[in-house]
């Protein structure tokens, strides 16, 4: 059974507050808040019946065997070892997170890859 919570109600204006104030935050009258217990929400949400016009059409699952494997276009970084770790290079639109302990060479690796990338892909830096 859920616990009840205290609600403080102003006797002058009827404003509700979750904690006691000496002065009502709405009307400003002093010592007008009176504590009343209120049953707590049991955590269950009450929902109305779904509207059949707004319900989405049922979808069917697709078997993995019926999907075609499409190889992703990969861009070589210019560093053979880095490309090997990335599975063949960078995928356009993807994100690569490079992490490690301080001083392990993350910035050096990325700067070397960026300098090797420039002649291969004709980009301006």
PDB file of N, CA and C in Angstrom:
ATOM      1  N   UNK A   1       0.841  -1.170   0.000  1.00  0.00           N
ATOM      2  CA  UNK A   1       0.000   0.000   0.000  1.00  0.00           C
ATOM      3  C   UNK A   1       0.890   1.239   0.000  1.00  0.00           C
ATOM      4  N   UNK A   2       0.608   2.201  -0.885  1.00  0.00           N
ATOM      5  CA  UNK A   2       1.449   3.377  -0.964  1.00  0.00           C
ATOM      6  C   UNK A   2       1.283   4.276   0.250  1.00  0.00           C
ATOM      7  N   UNK A   3       2.371   4.974   0.567  1.00  0.00           N
ATOM      8  CA  UNK A   3       2.336   5.907   1.680  1.00  0.00           C
ATOM      9  C   UNK A   3       1.562   7.154   1.278  1.00  0.00           C
ATOM     10  N   UNK A   4       0.981   7.818   2.253  1.00  0.00           N
ATOM     11  CA  UNK A   4       0.308   9.067   1.957  1.00  0.00           C
ATOM     12  C   UNK A   4       1.315  10.207   2.067  1.00  0.00           C
ATOM     13  N   UNK A   5       1.070  11.257   1.332  1.00  0.00           N
ATOM     14  CA  UNK A   5       1.955  12.411   1.361  1.00  0.00           C
ATOM     15  C   UNK A   5       1.223  13.588   1.977  1.00  0.00           C
ATOM     16  N   UNK A   6       1.984  14.502   2.543  1.00  0.00           N
ATOM     17  CA  UNK A   6       1.393  15.679   3.168  1.00  0.00           C
ATOM     18  C   UNK A   6       1.266  16.793   2.148  1.00  0.00           C
ATOM     19  N   UNK A   7       0.126  17.468   2.173  1.00  0.00           N
ATOM     20  CA  UNK A   7      -0.126  18.623   1.330  1.00  0.00           C
ATOM     21  C   UNK A   7      -0.584  19.743   2.250  1.00  0.00           C
ATOM     22  N   UNK A   8      -0.041  20.918   2.042  1.00  0.00           N
ATOM     23  CA  UNK A   8      -0.414  22.068   2.848  1.00  0.00           C
ATOM     24  C   UNK A   8      -1.326  22.959   2.018  1.00  0.00           C
ATOM     25  N   UNK A   9      -2.528  23.235   2.555  1.00  0.00           N
ATOM     26  CA  UNK A   9      -3.540  23.998   1.838  1.00  0.00           C
ATOM     27  C   UNK A   9      -3.797  25.300   2.580  1.00  0.00           C
ATOM     28  N   UNK A  10      -3.804  26.405   1.841  1.00  0.00           N
ATOM     29  CA  UNK A  10      -4.066  27.717   2.425  1.00  0.00           C
ATOM     30  C   UNK A  10      -5.558  27.839   2.714  1.00  0.00           C
ATOM     31  N   UNK A  11      -5.885  28.278   3.925  1.00  0.00           N
ATOM     32  CA  UNK A  11      -7.281  28.428   4.319  1.00  0.00           C
ATOM     33  C   UNK A  11      -7.900  29.703   3.753  1.00  0.00           C
ATOM     34  N   UNK A  12      -7.089  30.609   3.230  1.00  0.00           N
ATOM     35  CA  UNK A  12      -7.599  31.865   2.688  1.00  0.00           C
ATOM     36  C   UNK A  12      -7.887  31.743   1.191  1.00  0.00           C
ATOM     37  N   UNK A  13      -6.889  31.275   0.427  1.00  0.00           N
ATOM     38  CA  UNK A  13      -7.055  31.248  -1.033  1.00  0.00           C
ATOM     39  C   UNK A  13      -7.162  29.843  -1.611  1.00  0.00           C
ATOM     40  N   UNK A  14      -6.831  28.796  -0.834  1.00  0.00           N
ATOM     41  CA  UNK A  14      -6.938  27.426  -1.317  1.00  0.00           C
ATOM     42  C   UNK A  14      -5.723  26.933  -2.083  1.00  0.00           C
ATOM     43  N   UNK A  15      -4.637  27.708  -2.080  1.00  0.00           N
ATOM     44  CA  UNK A  15      -3.416  27.290  -2.776  1.00  0.00           C
ATOM     45  C   UNK A  15      -2.838  26.051  -2.109  1.00  0.00           C
ATOM     46  N   UNK A  16      -2.167  25.207  -2.897  1.00  0.00           N
ATOM     47  CA  UNK A  16      -1.566  23.975  -2.382  1.00  0.00           C
ATOM     48  C   UNK A  16      -0.052  24.082  -2.445  1.00  0.00           C
ATOM     49  N   UNK A  17       0.615  23.525  -1.426  1.00  0.00           N
ATOM     50  CA  UNK A  17       2.072  23.496  -1.387  1.00  0.00           C
ATOM     51  C   UNK A  17       2.511  22.151  -0.843  1.00  0.00           C
ATOM     52  N   UNK A  18       3.680  21.676  -1.263  1.00  0.00           N
ATOM     53  CA  UNK A  18       4.192  20.385  -0.799  1.00  0.00           C
ATOM     54  C   UNK A  18       4.955  20.497   0.504  1.00  0.00           C
ATOM     55  N   UNK A  19       5.343  21.712   0.873  1.00  0.00           N
ATOM     56  CA  UNK A  19       6.044  21.901   2.138  1.00  0.00           C
ATOM     57  C   UNK A  19       5.440  23.092   2.860  1.00  0.00           C
ATOM     58  N   UNK A  20       5.688  23.165   4.154  1.00  0.00           N
ATOM     59  CA  UNK A  20       5.114  24.232   4.960  1.00  0.00           C
ATOM     60  C   UNK A  20       5.881  25.528   4.768  1.00  0.00           C
ATOM     61  N   UNK A  21       5.135  26.594   4.577  1.00  0.00           N
ATOM     62  CA  UNK A  21       5.685  27.940   4.560  1.00  0.00           C
ATOM     63  C   UNK A  21       4.961  28.713   5.645  1.00  0.00           C
ATOM     64  N   UNK A  22       5.627  29.644   6.291  1.00  0.00           N
ATOM     65  CA  UNK A  22       4.955  30.484   7.277  1.00  0.00           C
ATOM     66  C   UNK A  22       3.963  31.410   6.608  1.00  0.00           C
ATOM     67  N   UNK A  23       4.228  31.719   5.346  1.00  0.00           N
ATOM     68  CA  UNK A  23       3.398  32.647   4.585  1.00  0.00           C
ATOM     69  C   UNK A  23       2.960  31.952   3.300  1.00  0.00           C
ATOM     70  N   UNK A  24       1.709  32.115   2.923  1.00  0.00           N
ATOM     71  CA  UNK A  24       1.188  31.500   1.696  1.00  0.00           C
ATOM     72  C   UNK A  24       1.893  32.113   0.489  1.00  0.00           C
ATOM     73  N   UNK A  25       2.439  31.284  -0.421  1.00  0.00           N
ATOM     74  CA  UNK A  25       3.135  31.831  -1.586  1.00  0.00           C
ATOM     75  C   UNK A  25       2.201  32.509  -2.588  1.00  0.00           C
ATOM     76  N   UNK A  26       0.909  32.232  -2.521  1.00  0.00           N
ATOM     77  CA  UNK A  26      -0.039  32.814  -3.471  1.00  0.00           C
ATOM     78  C   UNK A  26      -0.629  34.134  -2.978  1.00  0.00           C
ATOM     79  N   UNK A  27      -1.265  34.094  -1.789  1.00  0.00           N
ATOM     80  CA  UNK A  27      -1.970  35.290  -1.317  1.00  0.00           C
ATOM     81  C   UNK A  27      -1.176  36.091  -0.288  1.00  0.00           C
ATOM     82  N   UNK A  28      -0.132  35.506   0.283  1.00  0.00           N
ATOM     83  CA  UNK A  28       0.714  36.226   1.222  1.00  0.00           C
ATOM     84  C   UNK A  28       0.216  36.253   2.651  1.00  0.00           C
ATOM     85  N   UNK A  29      -0.859  35.549   2.974  1.00  0.00           N
ATOM     86  CA  UNK A  29      -1.363  35.559   4.357  1.00  0.00           C
ATOM     87  C   UNK A  29      -0.484  34.678   5.235  1.00  0.00           C
ATOM     88  N   UNK A  30      -0.294  35.109   6.497  1.00  0.00           N
ATOM     89  CA  UNK A  30       0.588  34.418   7.433  1.00  0.00           C
ATOM     90  C   UNK A  30      -0.154  33.333   8.193  1.00  0.00           C
ATOM     91  N   UNK A  31       0.517  32.190   8.424  1.00  0.00           N
ATOM     92  CA  UNK A  31       0.026  31.058   9.221  1.00  0.00           C
ATOM     93  C   UNK A  31      -1.343  30.565   8.765  1.00  0.00           C
ATOM     94  N   UNK A  32      -1.562  30.536   7.468  1.00  0.00           N
ATOM     95  CA  UNK A  32      -2.851  30.076   6.950  1.00  0.00           C
ATOM     96  C   UNK A  32      -2.765  28.691   6.310  1.00  0.00           C
ATOM     97  N   UNK A  33      -1.569  28.089   6.266  1.00  0.00           N
ATOM     98  CA  UNK A  33      -1.415  26.768   5.655  1.00  0.00           C
ATOM     99  C   UNK A  33      -1.722  25.686   6.673  1.00  0.00           C
ATOM    100  N   UNK A  34      -2.582  24.747   6.287  1.00  0.00           N
ATOM    101  CA  UNK A  34      -2.983  23.640   7.150  1.00  0.00           C
ATOM    102  C   UNK A  34      -2.599  22.344   6.453  1.00  0.00           C
ATOM    103  N   UNK A  35      -2.000  21.427   7.214  1.00  0.00           N
ATOM    104  CA  UNK A  35      -1.543  20.157   6.650  1.00  0.00           C
ATOM    105  C   UNK A  35      -2.705  19.191   6.490  1.00  0.00           C
ATOM    106  N   UNK A  36      -2.774  18.554   5.338  1.00  0.00           N
ATOM    107  CA  UNK A  36      -3.751  17.497   5.079  1.00  0.00           C
ATOM    108  C   UNK A  36      -3.010  16.353   4.406  1.00  0.00           C
ATOM    109  N   UNK A  37      -3.376  15.129   4.775  1.00  0.00           N
ATOM    110  CA  UNK A  37      -2.733  13.979   4.135  1.00  0.00           C
ATOM    111  C   UNK A  37      -3.469  13.654   2.848  1.00  0.00           C
ATOM    112  N   UNK A  38      -2.698  13.227   1.884  1.00  0.00           N
ATOM    113  CA  UNK A  38      -3.233  12.903   0.569  1.00  0.00           C
ATOM    114  C   UNK A  38      -2.651  11.563   0.165  1.00  0.00           C
ATOM    115  N   UNK A  39      -3.475  10.625  -0.325  1.00  0.00           N
ATOM    116  CA  UNK A  39      -2.917   9.330  -0.731  1.00  0.00           C
ATOM    117  C   UNK A  39      -1.938   9.517  -1.885  1.00  0.00           C
ATOM    118  N   UNK A  40      -0.818   8.813  -1.790  1.00  0.00           N
ATOM    119  CA  UNK A  40       0.216   8.903  -2.823  1.00  0.00           C
ATOM    120  C   UNK A  40      -0.204   8.122  -4.051  1.00  0.00           C
ATOM    121  N   UNK A  41       0.371   8.481  -5.163  1.00  0.00           N
ATOM    122  CA  UNK A  41       0.138   7.768  -6.415  1.00  0.00           C
ATOM    123  C   UNK A  41       0.717   6.363  -6.288  1.00  0.00           C
ATOM    124  N   UNK A  42      -0.009   5.365  -6.735  1.00  0.00           N
ATOM    125  CA  UNK A  42       0.453   3.983  -6.600  1.00  0.00           C
ATOM    126  C   UNK A  42       1.453   3.590  -7.684  1.00  0.00           C
ATOM    127  N   UNK A  43       1.818   4.510  -8.562  1.00  0.00           N
ATOM    128  CA  UNK A  43       2.829   4.230  -9.577  1.00  0.00           C
ATOM    129  C   UNK A  43       2.253   3.714 -10.881  1.00  0.00           C
ATOM    130  N   UNK A  44       1.015   3.296 -10.867  1.00  0.00           N
ATOM    131  CA  UNK A  44       0.398   2.804 -12.098  1.00  0.00           C
ATOM    132  C   UNK A  44      -0.215   3.973 -12.851  1.00  0.00           C
ATOM    133  N   UNK A  45       0.023   3.999 -14.112  1.00  0.00           N
ATOM    134  CA  UNK A  45      -0.530   5.075 -14.931  1.00  0.00           C
ATOM    135  C   UNK A  45      -1.875   4.622 -15.477  1.00  0.00           C
ATOM    136  N   UNK A  46      -2.775   5.544 -15.469  1.00  0.00           N
ATOM    137  CA  UNK A  46      -4.091   5.248 -16.009  1.00  0.00           C
ATOM    138  C   UNK A  46      -4.120   5.745 -17.450  1.00  0.00           C
ATOM    139  N   UNK A  47      -4.454   4.854 -18.355  1.00  0.00           N
ATOM    140  CA  UNK A  47      -4.486   5.210 -19.763  1.00  0.00           C
ATOM    141  C   UNK A  47      -5.884   4.999 -20.301  1.00  0.00           C
ATOM    142  N   UNK A  48      -6.244   5.843 -21.220  1.00  0.00           N
ATOM    143  CA  UNK A  48      -7.516   5.637 -21.885  1.00  0.00           C
ATOM    144  C   UNK A  48      -7.321   4.591 -22.982  1.00  0.00           C
ATOM    145  N   UNK A  49      -8.406   4.083 -23.474  1.00  0.00           N
ATOM    146  CA  UNK A  49      -8.334   3.084 -24.541  1.00  0.00           C
ATOM    147  C   UNK A  49      -7.743   3.739 -25.784  1.00  0.00           C
ATOM    148  N   UNK A  50      -6.905   3.033 -26.536  1.00  0.00           N
ATOM    149  CA  UNK A  50      -6.297   3.633 -27.729  1.00  0.00           C
ATOM    150  C   UNK A  50      -7.343   3.942 -28.787  1.00  0.00           C
ATOM    151  N   UNK A  51      -7.124   5.029 -29.489  1.00  0.00           N
ATOM    152  CA  UNK A  51      -8.013   5.435 -30.559  1.00  0.00           C
ATOM    153  C   UNK A  51      -7.692   4.586 -31.786  1.00  0.00           C
ATOM    154  N   UNK A  52      -8.662   3.815 -32.303  1.00  0.00           N
ATOM    155  CA  UNK A  52      -8.359   2.932 -33.435  1.00  0.00           C
ATOM    156  C   UNK A  52      -7.925   3.693 -34.690  1.00  0.00           C
ATOM    157  N   UNK A  53      -8.348   4.944 -34.855  1.00  0.00           N
ATOM    158  CA  UNK A  53      -7.954   5.705 -36.037  1.00  0.00           C
ATOM    159  C   UNK A  53      -6.495   6.141 -35.965  1.00  0.00           C
ATOM    160  N   UNK A  54      -5.964   6.314 -34.740  1.00  0.00           N
ATOM    161  CA  UNK A  54      -4.587   6.759 -34.591  1.00  0.00           C
ATOM    162  C   UNK A  54      -3.617   5.601 -34.406  1.00  0.00           C
ATOM    163  N   UNK A  55      -4.115   4.403 -34.280  1.00  0.00           N
ATOM    164  CA  UNK A  55      -3.243   3.248 -34.070  1.00  0.00           C
ATOM    165  C   UNK A  55      -2.440   2.965 -35.341  1.00  0.00           C
ATOM    166  N   UNK A  56      -1.191   2.607 -35.168  1.00  0.00           N
ATOM    167  CA  UNK A  56      -0.331   2.292 -36.308  1.00  0.00           C
ATOM    168  C   UNK A  56      -0.694   0.924 -36.867  1.00  0.00           C
ATOM    169  N   UNK A  57      -0.486   0.781 -38.145  1.00  0.00           N
ATOM    170  CA  UNK A  57      -0.753  -0.505 -38.782  1.00  0.00           C
ATOM    171  C   UNK A  57       0.253  -1.528 -38.263  1.00  0.00           C
ATOM    172  N   UNK A  58      -0.173  -2.763 -38.068  1.00  0.00           N
ATOM    173  CA  UNK A  58       0.767  -3.776 -37.577  1.00  0.00           C
ATOM    174  C   UNK A  58       1.878  -4.016 -38.592  1.00  0.00           C
ATOM    175  N   UNK A  59       3.076  -4.233 -38.066  1.00  0.00           N
ATOM    176  CA  UNK A  59       4.233  -4.473 -38.922  1.00  0.00           C
ATOM    177  C   UNK A  59       4.715  -5.894 -38.718  1.00  0.00           C
ATOM    178  N   UNK A  60       5.267  -6.448 -39.769  1.00  0.00           N
ATOM    179  CA  UNK A  60       5.789  -7.809 -39.695  1.00  0.00           C
ATOM    180  C   UNK A  60       7.303  -7.759 -39.601  1.00  0.00           C
ATOM    181  N   UNK A  61       7.842  -8.694 -38.881  1.00  0.00           N
ATOM    182  CA  UNK A  61       9.298  -8.769 -38.774  1.00  0.00           C
ATOM    183  C   UNK A  61       9.869  -9.398 -40.044  1.00  0.00           C
ATOM    184  N   UNK A  62      11.123  -9.099 -40.300  1.00  0.00           N
ATOM    185  CA  UNK A  62      11.810  -9.611 -41.480  1.00  0.00           C
ATOM    186  C   UNK A  62      12.882 -10.589 -41.034  1.00  0.00           C
ATOM    187  N   UNK A  63      12.938 -11.719 -41.683  1.00  0.00           N
ATOM    188  CA  UNK A  63      13.950 -12.718 -41.342  1.00  0.00           C
ATOM    189  C   UNK A  63      15.326 -12.207 -41.738  1.00  0.00           C
ATOM    190  N   UNK A  64      16.305 -12.443 -40.890  1.00  0.00           N
ATOM    191  CA  UNK A  64      17.667 -11.992 -41.162  1.00  0.00           C
ATOM    192  C   UNK A  64      18.231 -12.634 -42.430  1.00  0.00           C
ATOM    193  N   UNK A  65      17.824 -13.860 -42.715  1.00  0.00           N
ATOM    194  CA  UNK A  65      18.327 -14.567 -43.895  1.00  0.00           C
ATOM    195  C   UNK A  65      17.870 -13.896 -45.189  1.00  0.00           C
ATOM    196  N   UNK A  66      16.746 -13.179 -45.152  1.00  0.00           N
ATOM    197  CA  UNK A  66      16.233 -12.559 -46.371  1.00  0.00           C
ATOM    198  C   UNK A  66      16.869 -11.195 -46.654  1.00  0.00           C
ATOM    199  N   UNK A  67      17.643 -10.666 -45.719  1.00  0.00           N
ATOM    200  CA  UNK A  67      18.292  -9.376 -45.923  1.00  0.00           C
ATOM    201  C   UNK A  67      19.576  -9.544 -46.717  1.00  0.00           C
ATOM    202  N   UNK A  68      19.834  -8.597 -47.594  1.00  0.00           N
ATOM    203  CA  UNK A  68      21.056  -8.635 -48.382  1.00  0.00           C
ATOM    204  C   UNK A  68      22.144  -7.866 -47.647  1.00  0.00           C
ATOM    205  N   UNK A  69      23.330  -8.421 -47.644  1.00  0.00           N
ATOM    206  CA  UNK A  69      24.467  -7.768 -47.011  1.00  0.00           C
ATOM    207  C   UNK A  69      25.051  -6.764 -47.989  1.00  0.00           C
ATOM    208  N   UNK A  70      24.989  -5.498 -47.629  1.00  0.00           N
ATOM    209  CA  UNK A  70      25.527  -4.457 -48.488  1.00  0.00           C
ATOM    210  C   UNK A  70      26.814  -3.931 -47.866  1.00  0.00           C
ATOM    211  N   UNK A  71      27.924  -4.092 -48.548  1.00  0.00           N
ATOM    212  CA  UNK A  71      29.185  -3.599 -47.983  1.00  0.00           C
ATOM    213  C   UNK A  71      29.172  -2.075 -47.900  1.00  0.00           C
ATOM    214  N   UNK A  72      29.727  -1.560 -46.814  1.00  0.00           N
ATOM    215  CA  UNK A  72      29.792  -0.124 -46.618  1.00  0.00           C
ATOM    216  C   UNK A  72      30.998   0.454 -47.344  1.00  0.00           C
ATOM    217  N   UNK A  73      30.821   1.632 -47.896  1.00  0.00           N
ATOM    218  CA  UNK A  73      31.943   2.317 -48.527  1.00  0.00           C
ATOM    219  C   UNK A  73      32.868   2.790 -47.413  1.00  0.00           C
ATOM    220  N   UNK A  74      34.128   2.452 -47.505  1.00  0.00           N
ATOM    221  CA  UNK A  74      35.105   2.845 -46.490  1.00  0.00           C
ATOM    222  C   UNK A  74      36.168   3.714 -47.135  1.00  0.00           C
ATOM    223  N   UNK A  75      36.597   4.709 -46.384  1.00  0.00           N
ATOM    224  CA  UNK A  75      37.627   5.627 -46.858  1.00  0.00           C
ATOM    225  C   UNK A  75      38.927   5.315 -46.144  1.00  0.00           C
ATOM    226  N   UNK A  76      39.958   5.055 -46.913  1.00  0.00           N
ATOM    227  CA  UNK A  76      41.266   4.741 -46.331  1.00  0.00           C
ATOM    228  C   UNK A  76      41.831   5.973 -45.645  1.00  0.00           C
ATOM    229  N   UNK A  77      42.448   5.775 -44.491  1.00  0.00           N
ATOM    230  CA  UNK A  77      43.019   6.888 -43.738  1.00  0.00           C
ATOM    231  C   UNK A  77      44.445   7.195 -44.154  1.00  0.00           C
ATOM    232  N   UNK A  78      45.090   6.303 -44.859  1.00  0.00           N
ATOM    233  CA  UNK A  78      46.483   6.489 -45.229  1.00  0.00           C
ATOM    234  C   UNK A  78      47.425   5.754 -44.304  1.00  0.00           C
ATOM    235  N   UNK A  79      46.905   5.223 -43.221  1.00  0.00           N
ATOM    236  CA  UNK A  79      47.694   4.429 -42.283  1.00  0.00           C
ATOM    237  C   UNK A  79      47.157   3.005 -42.341  1.00  0.00           C
ATOM    238  N   UNK A  80      47.957   2.084 -42.843  1.00  0.00           N
ATOM    239  CA  UNK A  80      47.497   0.709 -43.045  1.00  0.00           C
ATOM    240  C   UNK A  80      47.050   0.062 -41.739  1.00  0.00           C
ATOM    241  N   UNK A  81      47.802   0.272 -40.672  1.00  0.00           N
ATOM    242  CA  UNK A  81      47.456  -0.352 -39.394  1.00  0.00           C
ATOM    243  C   UNK A  81      46.165   0.237 -38.824  1.00  0.00           C
ATOM    244  N   UNK A  82      45.998   1.546 -38.933  1.00  0.00           N
ATOM    245  CA  UNK A  82      44.776   2.195 -38.442  1.00  0.00           C
ATOM    246  C   UNK A  82      43.573   1.735 -39.262  1.00  0.00           C
ATOM    247  N   UNK A  83      43.738   1.602 -40.577  1.00  0.00           N
ATOM    248  CA  UNK A  83      42.665   1.086 -41.430  1.00  0.00           C
ATOM    249  C   UNK A  83      42.294  -0.337 -41.039  1.00  0.00           C
ATOM    250  N   UNK A  84      43.287  -1.150 -40.703  1.00  0.00           N
ATOM    251  CA  UNK A  84      43.017  -2.528 -40.293  1.00  0.00           C
ATOM    252  C   UNK A  84      42.179  -2.549 -39.014  1.00  0.00           C
ATOM    253  N   UNK A  85      42.516  -1.692 -38.061  1.00  0.00           N
ATOM    254  CA  UNK A  85      41.771  -1.634 -36.800  1.00  0.00           C
ATOM    255  C   UNK A  85      40.337  -1.165 -37.035  1.00  0.00           C
ATOM    256  N   UNK A  86      40.164  -0.254 -37.986  1.00  0.00           N
ATOM    257  CA  UNK A  86      38.833   0.277 -38.287  1.00  0.00           C
ATOM    258  C   UNK A  86      38.027  -0.638 -39.207  1.00  0.00           C
ATOM    259  N   UNK A  87      38.573  -1.769 -39.596  1.00  0.00           N
ATOM    260  CA  UNK A  87      37.847  -2.696 -40.450  1.00  0.00           C
ATOM    261  C   UNK A  87      37.939  -2.351 -41.920  1.00  0.00           C
ATOM    262  N   UNK A  88      38.943  -1.584 -42.307  1.00  0.00           N
ATOM    263  CA  UNK A  88      39.122  -1.239 -43.707  1.00  0.00           C
ATOM    264  C   UNK A  88      39.107   0.254 -43.956  1.00  0.00           C
ATOM    265  N   UNK A  89      38.904   1.059 -42.957  1.00  0.00           N
ATOM    266  CA  UNK A  89      38.890   2.512 -43.116  1.00  0.00           C
ATOM    267  C   UNK A  89      37.686   3.123 -42.429  1.00  0.00           C
ATOM    268  N   UNK A  90      37.549   4.419 -42.619  1.00  0.00           N
ATOM    269  CA  UNK A  90      36.439   5.160 -42.020  1.00  0.00           C
ATOM    270  C   UNK A  90      35.180   5.027 -42.862  1.00  0.00           C
ATOM    271  N   UNK A  91      34.033   4.879 -42.208  1.00  0.00           N
ATOM    272  CA  UNK A  91      32.748   4.828 -42.892  1.00  0.00           C
ATOM    273  C   UNK A  91      32.151   6.231 -42.843  1.00  0.00           C
ATOM    274  N   UNK A  92      31.778   6.807 -43.998  1.00  0.00           N
ATOM    275  CA  UNK A  92      31.184   8.146 -43.986  1.00  0.00           C
ATOM    276  C   UNK A  92      29.932   8.184 -43.103  1.00  0.00           C
ATOM    277  N   UNK A  93      29.860   9.210 -42.269  1.00  0.00           N
ATOM    278  CA  UNK A  93      28.718   9.368 -41.380  1.00  0.00           C
ATOM    279  C   UNK A  93      28.841   8.623 -40.072  1.00  0.00           C
ATOM    280  N   UNK A  94      29.939   7.910 -39.882  1.00  0.00           N
ATOM    281  CA  UNK A  94      30.107   7.149 -38.645  1.00  0.00           C
ATOM    282  C   UNK A  94      30.948   7.937 -37.654  1.00  0.00           C
ATOM    283  N   UNK A  95      31.048   7.428 -36.462  1.00  0.00           N
ATOM    284  CA  UNK A  95      31.820   8.045 -35.395  1.00  0.00           C
ATOM    285  C   UNK A  95      32.778   7.015 -34.839  1.00  0.00           C
ATOM    286  N   UNK A  96      34.009   7.414 -34.619  1.00  0.00           N
ATOM    287  CA  UNK A  96      35.012   6.526 -34.039  1.00  0.00           C
ATOM    288  C   UNK A  96      35.459   7.146 -32.727  1.00  0.00           C
ATOM    289  N   UNK A  97      35.324   6.415 -31.648  1.00  0.00           N
ATOM    290  CA  UNK A  97      35.752   6.874 -30.336  1.00  0.00           C
ATOM    291  C   UNK A  97      37.129   6.300 -30.053  1.00  0.00           C
ATOM    292  N   UNK A  98      38.089   7.181 -29.852  1.00  0.00           N
ATOM    293  CA  UNK A  98      39.453   6.760 -29.546  1.00  0.00           C
ATOM    294  C   UNK A  98      39.677   7.057 -28.079  1.00  0.00           C
ATOM    295  N   UNK A  99      39.904   6.025 -27.299  1.00  0.00           N
ATOM    296  CA  UNK A  99      40.091   6.203 -25.863  1.00  0.00           C
ATOM    297  C   UNK A  99      41.331   5.497 -25.375  1.00  0.00           C
ATOM    298  N   UNK A 100      41.768   5.879 -24.206  1.00  0.00           N
ATOM    299  CA  UNK A 100      42.938   5.250 -23.613  1.00  0.00           C
ATOM    300  C   UNK A 100      43.482   6.086 -22.476  1.00  0.00           C
ATOM    301  N   UNK A 101      44.477   5.566 -21.813  1.00  0.00           N
ATOM    302  CA  UNK A 101      45.107   6.260 -20.694  1.00  0.00           C
ATOM    303  C   UNK A 101      45.794   7.534 -21.175  1.00  0.00           C
ATOM    304  N   UNK A 102      45.976   8.505 -20.268  1.00  0.00           N
ATOM    305  CA  UNK A 102      46.698   9.725 -20.639  1.00  0.00           C
ATOM    306  C   UNK A 102      48.121   9.409 -21.078  1.00  0.00           C
ATOM    307  N   UNK A 103      48.545  10.039 -22.163  1.00  0.00           N
ATOM    308  CA  UNK A 103      49.911   9.870 -22.637  1.00  0.00           C
ATOM    309  C   UNK A 103      50.145   8.659 -23.499  1.00  0.00           C
ATOM    310  N   UNK A 104      49.093   7.937 -23.866  1.00  0.00           N
ATOM    311  CA  UNK A 104      49.272   6.702 -24.628  1.00  0.00           C
ATOM    312  C   UNK A 104      49.448   6.971 -26.126  1.00  0.00           C
ATOM    313  N   UNK A 105      49.100   8.198 -26.593  1.00  0.00           N
ATOM    314  CA  UNK A 105      49.331   8.548 -27.992  1.00  0.00           C
ATOM    315  C   UNK A 105      48.080   8.717 -28.826  1.00  0.00           C
ATOM    316  N   UNK A 106      46.959   9.037 -28.205  1.00  0.00           N
ATOM    317  CA  UNK A 106      45.715   9.210 -28.967  1.00  0.00           C
ATOM    318  C   UNK A 106      45.823  10.389 -29.932  1.00  0.00           C
ATOM    319  N   UNK A 107      46.278  11.525 -29.429  1.00  0.00           N
ATOM    320  CA  UNK A 107      46.410  12.716 -30.280  1.00  0.00           C
ATOM    321  C   UNK A 107      47.437  12.487 -31.378  1.00  0.00           C
ATOM    322  N   UNK A 108      48.528  11.849 -31.052  1.00  0.00           N
ATOM    323  CA  UNK A 108      49.569  11.565 -32.046  1.00  0.00           C
ATOM    324  C   UNK A 108      49.020  10.680 -33.158  1.00  0.00           C
ATOM    325  N   UNK A 109      48.285   9.647 -32.794  1.00  0.00           N
ATOM    326  CA  UNK A 109      47.690   8.746 -33.780  1.00  0.00           C
ATOM    327  C   UNK A 109      46.747   9.499 -34.706  1.00  0.00           C
ATOM    328  N   UNK A 110      45.897  10.345 -34.140  1.00  0.00           N
ATOM    329  CA  UNK A 110      44.926  11.062 -34.961  1.00  0.00           C
ATOM    330  C   UNK A 110      45.590  12.138 -35.817  1.00  0.00           C
ATOM    331  N   UNK A 111      46.615  12.804 -35.292  1.00  0.00           N
ATOM    332  CA  UNK A 111      47.335  13.790 -36.100  1.00  0.00           C
ATOM    333  C   UNK A 111      48.085  13.125 -37.252  1.00  0.00           C
ATOM    334  N   UNK A 112      48.693  11.978 -37.005  1.00  0.00           N
ATOM    335  CA  UNK A 112      49.373  11.253 -38.075  1.00  0.00           C
ATOM    336  C   UNK A 112      48.374  10.776 -39.123  1.00  0.00           C
ATOM    337  N   UNK A 113      47.204  10.330 -38.680  1.00  0.00           N
ATOM    338  CA  UNK A 113      46.172   9.891 -39.625  1.00  0.00           C
ATOM    339  C   UNK A 113      45.660  11.067 -40.442  1.00  0.00           C
ATOM    340  N   UNK A 114      45.494  12.226 -39.792  1.00  0.00           N
ATOM    341  CA  UNK A 114      45.023  13.415 -40.509  1.00  0.00           C
ATOM    342  C   UNK A 114      46.043  13.873 -41.542  1.00  0.00           C
ATOM    343  N   UNK A 115      47.327  13.815 -41.192  1.00  0.00           N
ATOM    344  CA  UNK A 115      48.349  14.233 -42.163  1.00  0.00           C
ATOM    345  C   UNK A 115      48.454  13.231 -43.312  1.00  0.00           C
ATOM    346  N   UNK A 116      48.229  11.957 -43.062  1.00  0.00           N
ATOM    347  CA  UNK A 116      48.245  10.951 -44.130  1.00  0.00           C
ATOM    348  C   UNK A 116      46.969  11.030 -44.965  1.00  0.00           C
ATOM    349  N   UNK A 117      45.880  11.498 -44.386  1.00  0.00           N
ATOM    350  CA  UNK A 117      44.586  11.598 -45.056  1.00  0.00           C
ATOM    351  C   UNK A 117      44.615  12.676 -46.137  1.00  0.00           C
ATOM    352  N   UNK A 118      45.281  13.783 -45.887  1.00  0.00           N
ATOM    353  CA  UNK A 118      45.250  14.935 -46.777  1.00  0.00           C
ATOM    354  C   UNK A 118      45.708  14.624 -48.200  1.00  0.00           C
ATOM    355  N   UNK A 119      46.871  14.001 -48.410  1.00  0.00           N
ATOM    356  CA  UNK A 119      47.278  13.723 -49.798  1.00  0.00           C
ATOM    357  C   UNK A 119      46.380  12.700 -50.486  1.00  0.00           C
ATOM    358  N   UNK A 120      45.804  11.787 -49.735  1.00  0.00           N
ATOM    359  CA  UNK A 120      44.986  10.729 -50.336  1.00  0.00           C
ATOM    360  C   UNK A 120      43.649  11.274 -50.820  1.00  0.00           C
ATOM    361  N   UNK A 121      43.027  12.179 -50.047  1.00  0.00           N
ATOM    362  CA  UNK A 121      41.664  12.616 -50.346  1.00  0.00           C
ATOM    363  C   UNK A 121      41.553  14.056 -50.819  1.00  0.00           C
ATOM    364  N   UNK A 122      42.677  14.748 -51.023  1.00  0.00           N
ATOM    365  CA  UNK A 122      42.690  16.105 -51.563  1.00  0.00           C
ATOM    366  C   UNK A 122      41.751  17.044 -50.800  1.00  0.00           C
ATOM    367  N   UNK A 123      41.877  17.066 -49.497  1.00  0.00           N
ATOM    368  CA  UNK A 123      41.078  17.988 -48.702  1.00  0.00           C
ATOM    369  C   UNK A 123      41.966  19.128 -48.237  1.00  0.00           C
ATOM    370  N   UNK A 124      41.360  20.263 -47.981  1.00  0.00           N
ATOM    371  CA  UNK A 124      42.145  21.410 -47.513  1.00  0.00           C
ATOM    372  C   UNK A 124      42.055  21.481 -46.002  1.00  0.00           C
ATOM    373  N   UNK A 125      43.181  21.736 -45.381  1.00  0.00           N
ATOM    374  CA  UNK A 125      43.220  21.844 -43.922  1.00  0.00           C
ATOM    375  C   UNK A 125      43.639  23.230 -43.532  1.00  0.00           C
TER     376      UNK A 125
END
